[in-house]
Every structure is written in C-alpha cells, then in structure tokens.
Amino acid sequence: MHKDWPAMASELSGAIKEVRLGTPEVMKAFSAMAQAATKGGAVDAKTKELIAIAIAVAIRCDGCVAFHAQAAAKTGATREEIMEVMGMALYMGAGPSLMYAAQAVEAYDQFAAA
C-alpha cells in the first residue's frame, strides 16, 4: 500500500476544521458552493463524484483524491467506473496523471473496503 487514504482524509478533516475556525465566512461560502455543485440534478451525485476524482487526478491533489474517492465509494461508484474515469484523467493529464490514477484507485479500494 502506497498511502493510507482513509487516514489522510481523517487527518485533513482536522486541519480543515482549523481553517474553518479561522476563516468562517469564507468556509461557509465554500461549503455552500460545494453543496450546490454536488447536489443531484441533470447529472446525478455519483457522476459528479466521478468527475471530481478525475479532476483531482488531473490536477494532482492528494487531499482531493482522498475526499472524492471516499465520496465516490459512498455514492455507489464501482471500481469499473473509477477505472473508466481514470482513463479520461490520463488522457487529459498524460504521464503525471498516471501516477495519480494509480493512487486514486488505491484510495477508492481502501474506502470501498471499509
């Protein structure tokens, strides 16, 4: 195992709480934006999480991978769906995205097993 993604998400949650306490108005606005963006509509919540994890890989954000792998597992995304969106992330991000795609699959597997 390369990284412990559930531990990372848990540790980041504590650090994010500190930012929330230090910048309550900004974090309130960010949370409202997140809720609006992830709410099901023409595109369901699971598909939005698949998009988010692909973007996380393409922009190479470890914390984003952890949180969106967790959310993808919770919304019922399958490993096959994760693999397909990793293909899109690789297409969009080339070699560096391959390294993050491997980590995103590992993160998804850890959250799905929990």
C-alpha atoms as a PDB file:
ATOM      1  CA  MET A   1       0.000   0.000   0.000  1.00  0.00           C
ATOM      2  CA  HIS A   2       1.387   3.362  -1.031  1.00  0.00           C
ATOM      3  CA  LYS A   3      -0.670   5.673   1.194  1.00  0.00           C
ATOM      4  CA  ASP A   4      -3.337   5.275   3.855  1.00  0.00           C
ATOM      5  CA  TRP A   5      -6.099   7.310   2.199  1.00  0.00           C
ATOM      6  CA  PRO A   6      -8.716   6.998   4.963  1.00  0.00           C
ATOM      7  CA  ALA A   7      -6.134   8.239   7.489  1.00  0.00           C
ATOM      8  CA  MET A   8      -5.252  11.110   5.154  1.00  0.00           C
ATOM      9  CA  ALA A   9      -8.904  12.135   4.844  1.00  0.00           C
ATOM     10  CA  SER A  10      -9.295  11.963   8.612  1.00  0.00           C
ATOM     11  CA  GLU A  11      -6.146  13.985   9.273  1.00  0.00           C
ATOM     12  CA  LEU A  12      -7.090  16.574   6.675  1.00  0.00           C
ATOM     13  CA  SER A  13     -10.541  16.924   8.215  1.00  0.00           C
ATOM     14  CA  GLY A  14      -8.903  18.123  11.425  1.00  0.00           C
ATOM     15  CA  ALA A  15      -6.694  20.584   9.558  1.00  0.00           C
ATOM     16  CA  ILE A  16      -9.668  21.814   7.518  1.00  0.00           C
ATOM     17  CA  LYS A  17     -11.563  22.402  10.770  1.00  0.00           C
ATOM     18  CA  GLU A  18      -8.790  24.791  11.812  1.00  0.00           C
ATOM     19  CA  VAL A  19      -9.152  26.702   8.538  1.00  0.00           C
ATOM     20  CA  ARG A  20     -12.930  26.752   9.037  1.00  0.00           C
ATOM     21  CA  LEU A  21     -12.472  28.268  12.505  1.00  0.00           C
ATOM     22  CA  GLY A  22     -10.001  30.835  11.192  1.00  0.00           C
ATOM     23  CA  THR A  23     -12.000  31.870   8.122  1.00  0.00           C
ATOM     24  CA  PRO A  24     -15.642  31.118   8.958  1.00  0.00           C
ATOM     25  CA  GLU A  25     -17.245  33.326   6.308  1.00  0.00           C
ATOM     26  CA  VAL A  26     -15.026  32.010   3.513  1.00  0.00           C
ATOM     27  CA  MET A  27     -15.585  28.399   4.566  1.00  0.00           C
ATOM     28  CA  LYS A  28     -19.328  28.959   4.879  1.00  0.00           C
ATOM     29  CA  ALA A  29     -19.355  30.197   1.278  1.00  0.00           C
ATOM     30  CA  PHE A  30     -17.128  27.316   0.154  1.00  0.00           C
ATOM     31  CA  SER A  31     -19.419  24.772   1.844  1.00  0.00           C
ATOM     32  CA  ALA A  32     -22.467  26.325   0.193  1.00  0.00           C
ATOM     33  CA  MET A  33     -20.744  26.138  -3.187  1.00  0.00           C
ATOM     34  CA  ALA A  34     -19.773  22.501  -2.578  1.00  0.00           C
ATOM     35  CA  GLN A  35     -23.341  21.576  -1.633  1.00  0.00           C
ATOM     36  CA  ALA A  36     -24.764  23.329  -4.687  1.00  0.00           C
ATOM     37  CA  ALA A  37     -22.195  21.751  -7.016  1.00  0.00           C
ATOM     38  CA  THR A  38     -22.612  18.199  -5.738  1.00  0.00           C
ATOM     39  CA  LYS A  39     -26.397  18.182  -5.452  1.00  0.00           C
ATOM     40  CA  GLY A  40     -28.061  15.852  -7.905  1.00  0.00           C
ATOM     41  CA  GLY A  41     -29.814  17.435 -10.861  1.00  0.00           C
ATOM     42  CA  ALA A  42     -29.411  16.770 -14.564  1.00  0.00           C
ATOM     43  CA  VAL A  43     -26.188  14.998 -13.525  1.00  0.00           C
ATOM     44  CA  ASP A  44     -26.505  12.699 -10.516  1.00  0.00           C
ATOM     45  CA  ALA A  45     -24.285  12.900  -7.430  1.00  0.00           C
ATOM     46  CA  LYS A  46     -22.326   9.744  -8.304  1.00  0.00           C
ATOM     47  CA  THR A  47     -21.414  11.045 -11.753  1.00  0.00           C
ATOM     48  CA  LYS A  48     -20.344  14.342 -10.219  1.00  0.00           C
ATOM     49  CA  GLU A  49     -18.022  12.489  -7.828  1.00  0.00           C
ATOM     50  CA  LEU A  50     -16.573  10.534 -10.752  1.00  0.00           C
ATOM     51  CA  ILE A  51     -15.876  13.846 -12.483  1.00  0.00           C
ATOM     52  CA  ALA A  52     -14.360  15.236  -9.291  1.00  0.00           C
ATOM     53  CA  ILE A  53     -11.959  12.328  -8.796  1.00  0.00           C
ATOM     54  CA  ALA A  54     -10.844  12.573 -12.424  1.00  0.00           C
ATOM     55  CA  ILE A  55     -10.168  16.289 -11.947  1.00  0.00           C
ATOM     56  CA  ALA A  56      -8.323  15.535  -8.685  1.00  0.00           C
ATOM     57  CA  VAL A  57      -6.017  13.200 -10.607  1.00  0.00           C
ATOM     58  CA  ALA A  58      -5.507  15.653 -13.464  1.00  0.00           C
ATOM     59  CA  ILE A  59      -4.574  18.499 -11.098  1.00  0.00           C
ATOM     60  CA  ARG A  60      -2.567  16.185  -8.819  1.00  0.00           C
ATOM     61  CA  CYS A  61      -4.270  16.948  -5.491  1.00  0.00           C
ATOM     62  CA  ASP A  62      -3.753  14.214  -2.879  1.00  0.00           C
ATOM     63  CA  GLY A  63      -6.359  15.558  -0.487  1.00  0.00           C
ATOM     64  CA  CYS A  64      -8.862  15.916  -3.308  1.00  0.00           C
ATOM     65  CA  VAL A  65      -8.211  12.304  -4.336  1.00  0.00           C
ATOM     66  CA  ALA A  66      -8.835  11.148  -0.765  1.00  0.00           C
ATOM     67  CA  PHE A  67     -12.099  13.032  -0.283  1.00  0.00           C
ATOM     68  CA  HIS A  68     -13.515  12.299  -3.735  1.00  0.00           C
ATOM     69  CA  ALA A  69     -12.525   8.602  -3.629  1.00  0.00           C
ATOM     70  CA  GLN A  70     -14.398   8.418  -0.330  1.00  0.00           C
ATOM     71  CA  ALA A  71     -17.414  10.242  -1.777  1.00  0.00           C
ATOM     72  CA  ALA A  72     -17.371   8.093  -4.927  1.00  0.00           C
ATOM     73  CA  ALA A  73     -17.468   4.942  -2.808  1.00  0.00           C
ATOM     74  CA  LYS A  74     -20.309   6.366  -0.694  1.00  0.00           C
ATOM     75  CA  THR A  75     -22.369   7.288  -3.770  1.00  0.00           C
ATOM     76  CA  GLY A  76     -22.090   3.753  -5.116  1.00  0.00           C
ATOM     77  CA  ALA A  77     -19.449   4.210  -7.802  1.00  0.00           C
ATOM     78  CA  THR A  78     -17.995   0.917  -8.977  1.00  0.00           C
ATOM     79  CA  ARG A  79     -14.339   0.110  -9.463  1.00  0.00           C
ATOM     80  CA  GLU A  80     -15.063  -0.248 -13.184  1.00  0.00           C
ATOM     81  CA  GLU A  81     -16.448   3.310 -13.261  1.00  0.00           C
ATOM     82  CA  ILE A  82     -13.387   4.566 -11.369  1.00  0.00           C
ATOM     83  CA  MET A  83     -11.151   2.889 -13.945  1.00  0.00           C
ATOM     84  CA  GLU A  84     -13.009   4.487 -16.849  1.00  0.00           C
ATOM     85  CA  VAL A  85     -12.729   7.976 -15.396  1.00  0.00           C
ATOM     86  CA  MET A  86      -9.045   7.317 -14.652  1.00  0.00           C
ATOM     87  CA  GLY A  87      -8.708   6.731 -18.386  1.00  0.00           C
ATOM     88  CA  MET A  88     -10.173  10.179 -19.033  1.00  0.00           C
ATOM     89  CA  ALA A  89      -7.903  11.731 -16.398  1.00  0.00           C
ATOM     90  CA  LEU A  90      -4.887  10.087 -18.045  1.00  0.00           C
ATOM     91  CA  TYR A  91      -5.980  11.325 -21.437  1.00  0.00           C
ATOM     92  CA  MET A  92      -6.284  14.870 -20.094  1.00  0.00           C
ATOM     93  CA  GLY A  93      -3.209  14.851 -17.831  1.00  0.00           C
ATOM     94  CA  ALA A  94      -0.717  12.490 -19.527  1.00  0.00           C
ATOM     95  CA  GLY A  95       2.131  10.864 -17.581  1.00  0.00           C
ATOM     96  CA  PRO A  96       1.821  12.694 -14.272  1.00  0.00           C
ATOM     97  CA  SER A  97      -1.859  11.771 -14.144  1.00  0.00           C
ATOM     98  CA  LEU A  98      -0.905   8.086 -14.461  1.00  0.00           C
ATOM     99  CA  MET A  99       0.856   8.326 -11.096  1.00  0.00           C
ATOM    100  CA  TYR A 100      -2.203   9.907  -9.513  1.00  0.00           C
ATOM    101  CA  ALA A 101      -4.592   7.481 -11.247  1.00  0.00           C
ATOM    102  CA  ALA A 102      -2.796   4.598  -9.521  1.00  0.00           C
ATOM    103  CA  GLN A 103      -3.162   6.394  -6.195  1.00  0.00           C
ATOM    104  CA  ALA A 104      -6.849   7.233  -6.820  1.00  0.00           C
ATOM    105  CA  VAL A 105      -7.644   3.556  -7.497  1.00  0.00           C
ATOM    106  CA  GLU A 106      -5.791   2.595  -4.317  1.00  0.00           C
ATOM    107  CA  ALA A 107      -7.757   5.235  -2.371  1.00  0.00           C
ATOM    108  CA  TYR A 108     -11.085   4.052  -3.807  1.00  0.00           C
ATOM    109  CA  ASP A 109     -10.264   0.427  -2.949  1.00  0.00           C
ATOM    110  CA  GLN A 110      -9.488   1.354   0.661  1.00  0.00           C
ATOM    111  CA  PHE A 111     -12.718   3.339   1.102  1.00  0.00           C
ATOM    112  CA  ALA A 112     -14.856   0.745  -0.703  1.00  0.00           C
ATOM    113  CA  ALA A 113     -13.489  -1.999   1.550  1.00  0.00           C
ATOM    114  CA  ALA A 114     -14.382  -0.049   4.709  1.00  0.00           C
END
